[in-house]
Amino acid sequence: MIDIRGVHKSFGELEVLKGIDLVVEAGTVTVILGPSGSGKSTLLRSINHLEKVDRGLIRIDGELIGYRRRGDKLYELREREILHQRSQVGFVFQNFNLFGHLTALQNVVEAPVSAQRRKRSEVETLARELLERVGVGDKADVYPRQLSGGQQQRVAIARALALRPKVLLFDEPTSALDPELVGEVLDVIKELARDGSTMVVVTHEIGFAREVADTVVFMDDGRIVESGPPHEVLDNPAQERTRAFISKVL
């Protein structure tokens, strides 16, 4: 479903991604772990072209993201075409990014109507179902400021699902939450995993990774240090850098 080949990304003199190769199979959950500054979020944002890569290619479901190939050259897509591609990828941010002037229902409805040109009446019906699914069905007409952090993040997940995306990306979805609210958001993500959604999750939640991930990827200093099933990477890591990280966070 996601094919990442030789991806490099720098910000000025700082090289953040140093040649990333990663394949995410359809219907699987990939959890990316690593210390702050290791490139996890930049990699995630590159998948839907929120960050333009300097070198390398990213494909989702066989489609080149952000570019069109003509012969041996790549040409960046127009903004409208990039937005269309992004509408096929659900992205859940760590700080929710809800529109404060819109209700929970309106937040979920907006993108499918504006980006995908779907009928508002049909999307509203779906949005109510999704809000119910993530446990905030009774908050449809409430504004974000009236919701807890956990409730806001669940609305954000419903918003991502409303796009009917091929892939769901989560960028540290619990890092901005009070500890007692973390579980309610992770439970929603676990339910999506059980339903067979293709997901890439950047997180520090080792227990979640152990329970839900098909593949755990450990990144450090812009590179993938090791990847594999949770029981290998978390319980018997092959690399000393991975062992040191795991010993500190467990």
Protein backbone atom coordinates (compact mmCIF):
# COMPACT_ATOMS: atom_id res chain seq x y z
CA MET A 1 0.00 0.00 0.00
CA ILE A 2 2.83 2.42 0.89
CA ASP A 3 6.20 2.11 -0.85
CA ILE A 4 8.99 4.47 0.28
CA ARG A 5 12.26 4.33 -1.62
CA GLY A 6 15.48 6.23 -0.89
CA VAL A 7 13.83 9.22 0.75
CA HIS A 8 16.06 12.10 1.85
CA LYS A 9 14.94 15.36 3.44
CA SER A 10 16.92 18.31 4.78
CA PHE A 11 15.97 21.56 6.43
CA GLY A 12 18.80 23.90 5.55
CA GLU A 13 22.03 22.23 6.69
CA LEU A 14 20.19 19.70 8.86
CA GLU A 15 19.61 16.36 7.14
CA VAL A 16 16.53 14.87 8.81
CA LEU A 17 15.91 11.81 6.62
CA LYS A 18 18.97 9.98 5.34
CA GLY A 19 17.75 7.43 2.84
CA ILE A 20 14.54 5.80 4.08
CA ASP A 21 13.28 2.56 2.53
CA LEU A 22 10.01 1.21 3.92
CA VAL A 23 7.10 -0.87 2.65
CA VAL A 24 3.73 -0.91 4.44
CA GLU A 25 1.47 -3.73 3.32
CA ALA A 26 -2.26 -3.15 2.86
CA GLY A 27 -4.33 -3.91 5.95
CA THR A 28 -1.38 -3.78 8.35
CA VAL A 29 -0.36 -1.49 11.20
CA THR A 30 3.17 -0.08 11.23
CA VAL A 31 4.30 1.66 14.41
CA ILE A 32 7.31 3.98 14.20
CA LEU A 33 9.32 4.48 17.40
CA GLY A 34 12.39 6.55 18.11
CA PRO A 35 13.79 9.44 20.12
CA SER A 36 12.79 13.05 19.50
CA GLY A 37 14.52 14.41 16.42
CA SER A 38 14.95 11.02 14.78
CA GLY A 39 12.83 11.99 11.75
CA LYS A 40 9.63 10.11 12.58
CA SER A 41 7.17 12.95 12.06
CA THR A 42 8.99 14.27 9.00
CA LEU A 43 8.74 10.83 7.41
CA LEU A 44 5.04 10.66 8.20
CA ARG A 45 4.40 14.13 6.76
CA SER A 46 6.34 13.17 3.63
CA ILE A 47 3.95 10.31 2.91
CA ASN A 48 1.17 12.71 1.94
CA HIS A 49 3.50 15.45 0.65
CA LEU A 50 3.03 17.82 3.57
CA GLU A 51 6.83 17.81 3.42
CA LYS A 52 8.47 17.70 0.00
CA VAL A 53 11.29 15.18 -0.14
CA ASP A 54 14.65 16.17 -1.61
CA ARG A 55 15.36 12.76 -3.10
CA GLY A 56 13.52 9.48 -3.34
CA LEU A 57 10.00 8.36 -4.21
CA ILE A 58 6.83 7.59 -2.28
CA ARG A 59 3.93 5.63 -3.73
CA ILE A 60 0.53 4.87 -2.23
CA ASP A 61 -1.40 2.06 -3.87
CA GLY A 62 0.99 2.30 -6.82
CA GLU A 63 0.45 6.04 -7.35
CA LEU A 64 3.43 8.37 -7.16
CA ILE A 65 2.79 10.98 -4.46
CA GLY A 66 3.41 14.65 -5.24
CA TYR A 67 4.96 14.11 -8.65
CA ARG A 68 4.34 12.95 -12.20
CA ARG A 69 7.02 11.10 -14.13
CA ARG A 70 7.72 12.05 -17.74
CA GLY A 71 10.52 9.99 -19.18
CA ASP A 72 13.43 10.25 -16.76
CA LYS A 73 12.19 13.45 -15.10
CA LEU A 74 9.80 14.13 -12.25
CA TYR A 75 7.48 17.14 -12.23
CA GLU A 76 5.69 18.29 -9.10
CA LEU A 77 1.93 18.10 -9.34
CA ARG A 78 -0.21 21.22 -9.19
CA GLU A 79 -1.63 22.10 -5.80
CA ARG A 80 -5.11 20.95 -6.79
CA GLU A 81 -3.76 17.53 -7.78
CA ILE A 82 -1.76 17.27 -4.54
CA LEU A 83 -4.86 18.12 -2.51
CA HIS A 84 -6.74 15.36 -4.33
CA GLN A 85 -4.02 12.88 -3.37
CA ARG A 86 -4.07 14.08 0.24
CA SER A 87 -7.82 13.52 0.39
CA GLN A 88 -7.09 9.80 0.02
CA VAL A 89 -4.86 9.81 3.11
CA GLY A 90 -6.30 10.38 6.58
CA PHE A 91 -3.93 12.31 8.85
CA VAL A 92 -4.43 12.64 12.60
CA PHE A 93 -2.19 15.30 14.19
CA GLN A 94 -0.90 15.36 17.75
CA ASN A 95 -2.61 18.72 18.45
CA PHE A 96 -5.98 17.80 16.91
CA ASN A 97 -6.06 20.74 14.42
CA LEU A 98 -9.84 21.07 14.60
CA PHE A 99 -11.48 24.24 13.31
CA GLY A 100 -12.51 26.17 16.41
CA HIS A 101 -15.42 27.95 14.71
CA LEU A 102 -17.01 24.68 13.53
CA THR A 103 -18.91 22.10 15.56
CA ALA A 104 -17.64 18.54 15.82
CA LEU A 105 -20.05 17.49 13.06
CA GLN A 106 -19.01 20.36 10.80
CA ASN A 107 -15.33 19.53 11.34
CA VAL A 108 -15.95 15.99 10.10
CA VAL A 109 -18.10 17.08 7.14
CA GLU A 110 -15.92 19.88 5.76
CA ALA A 111 -13.12 17.99 3.98
CA PRO A 112 -15.21 15.36 2.15
CA VAL A 113 -17.51 18.12 0.82
CA SER A 114 -14.84 20.66 -0.13
CA ALA A 115 -12.00 18.34 -1.22
CA GLN A 116 -13.95 15.39 -2.60
CA ARG A 117 -17.11 17.18 -3.80
CA ARG A 118 -19.39 14.73 -2.04
CA LYS A 119 -23.01 15.61 -1.21
CA ARG A 120 -23.28 17.36 2.14
CA SER A 121 -26.41 15.47 3.17
CA GLU A 122 -24.74 12.10 2.58
CA VAL A 123 -21.56 13.15 4.35
CA GLU A 124 -23.50 14.45 7.36
CA THR A 125 -25.17 11.05 7.75
CA LEU A 126 -21.78 9.33 7.56
CA ALA A 127 -20.24 11.88 9.95
CA ARG A 128 -22.85 11.18 12.62
CA GLU A 129 -22.19 7.45 12.25
CA LEU A 130 -18.43 8.01 12.58
CA LEU A 131 -18.78 10.25 15.64
CA GLU A 132 -20.90 7.51 17.20
CA ARG A 133 -18.29 4.93 16.25
CA VAL A 134 -15.50 6.80 18.04
CA GLY A 135 -17.65 7.41 21.11
CA VAL A 136 -18.60 11.09 20.75
CA GLY A 137 -21.92 10.80 18.97
CA ASP A 138 -23.55 12.99 21.61
CA LYS A 139 -21.05 15.81 20.90
CA ALA A 140 -21.99 16.42 17.24
CA ASP A 141 -23.20 19.97 17.83
CA VAL A 142 -20.51 20.93 20.34
CA TYR A 143 -17.53 23.18 19.55
CA PRO A 144 -13.93 21.98 20.12
CA ARG A 145 -13.36 24.35 23.06
CA GLN A 146 -16.15 22.54 24.90
CA LEU A 147 -14.52 19.13 24.46
CA SER A 148 -11.75 17.40 26.41
CA GLY A 149 -8.50 16.64 24.63
CA GLY A 150 -9.47 13.01 24.26
CA GLN A 151 -12.83 13.96 22.77
CA GLN A 152 -11.18 16.39 20.35
CA GLN A 153 -8.76 13.72 19.18
CA ARG A 154 -11.61 11.27 18.63
CA VAL A 155 -13.39 13.89 16.51
CA ALA A 156 -10.13 14.30 14.57
CA ILE A 157 -10.06 10.53 13.95
CA ALA A 158 -13.68 10.64 12.72
CA ARG A 159 -12.69 13.51 10.41
CA ALA A 160 -9.88 11.42 8.93
CA LEU A 161 -12.18 8.43 8.45
CA ALA A 162 -14.80 10.55 6.69
CA LEU A 163 -12.45 10.87 3.71
CA ARG A 164 -12.72 7.08 3.22
CA PRO A 165 -8.91 7.04 3.02
CA LYS A 166 -6.69 4.31 1.63
CA VAL A 167 -4.25 4.93 4.48
CA LEU A 168 -4.46 6.43 7.99
CA LEU A 169 -1.46 8.30 9.41
CA PHE A 170 -1.22 9.15 13.13
CA ASP A 171 1.45 11.58 14.34
CA GLU A 172 1.86 10.97 18.09
CA PRO A 173 -1.93 11.04 18.57
CA THR A 174 -1.76 10.86 22.38
CA SER A 175 1.22 13.10 23.14
CA ALA A 176 -0.92 16.20 23.81
CA LEU A 177 -3.36 14.36 26.08
CA ASP A 178 -3.52 14.13 29.84
CA PRO A 179 -2.45 10.61 30.92
CA GLU A 180 -5.97 9.55 31.92
CA LEU A 181 -7.26 10.36 28.41
CA VAL A 182 -4.65 8.39 26.48
CA GLY A 183 -6.46 5.08 26.80
CA GLU A 184 -9.71 6.25 25.24
CA VAL A 185 -7.93 7.39 22.08
CA LEU A 186 -5.75 4.28 21.83
CA ASP A 187 -8.89 2.13 22.15
CA VAL A 188 -10.34 3.81 19.05
CA ILE A 189 -7.14 3.22 17.09
CA LYS A 190 -7.05 -0.42 18.22
CA GLU A 191 -10.61 -0.87 16.94
CA LEU A 192 -9.59 0.53 13.55
CA ALA A 193 -6.68 -1.92 13.48
CA ARG A 194 -9.05 -4.81 14.15
CA ASP A 195 -11.16 -3.64 11.21
CA GLY A 196 -8.17 -4.02 8.88
CA SER A 197 -7.31 -0.38 8.22
CA THR A 198 -3.86 0.34 6.79
CA MET A 199 -2.17 2.54 9.38
CA VAL A 200 1.17 4.12 10.16
CA VAL A 201 1.41 5.35 13.75
CA VAL A 202 4.21 7.46 15.20
CA THR A 203 4.01 7.00 18.97
CA HIS A 204 5.92 6.52 22.20
CA GLU A 205 3.30 4.05 23.49
CA ILE A 206 5.28 0.80 23.67
CA GLY A 207 2.35 -1.20 25.04
CA PHE A 208 0.19 -0.11 22.12
CA ALA A 209 2.94 -1.09 19.67
CA ARG A 210 3.27 -4.50 21.27
CA GLU A 211 -0.48 -5.14 21.15
CA VAL A 212 -1.47 -3.71 17.78
CA ALA A 213 1.50 -3.42 15.40
CA ASP A 214 2.25 -5.89 12.65
CA THR A 215 5.59 -4.15 12.13
CA VAL A 216 7.60 -1.98 14.51
CA VAL A 217 10.12 0.42 12.97
CA PHE A 218 12.81 1.99 15.14
CA MET A 219 14.33 5.21 13.79
CA ASP A 220 17.32 7.17 15.00
CA ASP A 221 19.25 10.06 13.43
CA GLY A 222 17.22 10.03 10.22
CA ARG A 223 17.63 6.34 9.51
CA ILE A 224 15.71 3.12 10.10
CA VAL A 225 17.88 1.23 12.57
CA GLU A 226 15.75 -1.90 12.57
CA SER A 227 12.26 -3.13 11.82
CA GLY A 228 10.29 -6.32 12.27
CA PRO A 229 7.49 -7.92 14.28
CA PRO A 230 6.93 -6.46 17.76
CA HIS A 231 8.22 -9.51 19.58
CA GLU A 232 11.56 -9.17 17.77
CA VAL A 233 12.13 -5.41 17.87
CA LEU A 234 10.71 -4.83 21.36
CA ASP A 235 11.69 -8.03 23.16
CA ASN A 236 14.84 -9.10 21.36
CA PRO A 237 16.24 -6.17 19.37
CA ALA A 238 19.22 -6.91 17.15
CA GLN A 239 20.78 -3.45 17.36
CA GLU A 240 22.44 -1.94 20.42
CA ARG A 241 20.85 1.48 19.73
CA THR A 242 17.38 -0.11 19.76
CA ARG A 243 18.15 -1.97 22.99
CA ALA A 244 19.27 1.26 24.67
CA PHE A 245 16.09 3.09 23.60
CA ILE A 246 13.75 0.30 24.66
CA SER A 247 15.44 -0.04 28.06
CA LYS A 248 14.81 3.66 28.75
CA VAL A 249 11.16 3.78 27.77
CA LEU A 250 9.94 0.51 29.28
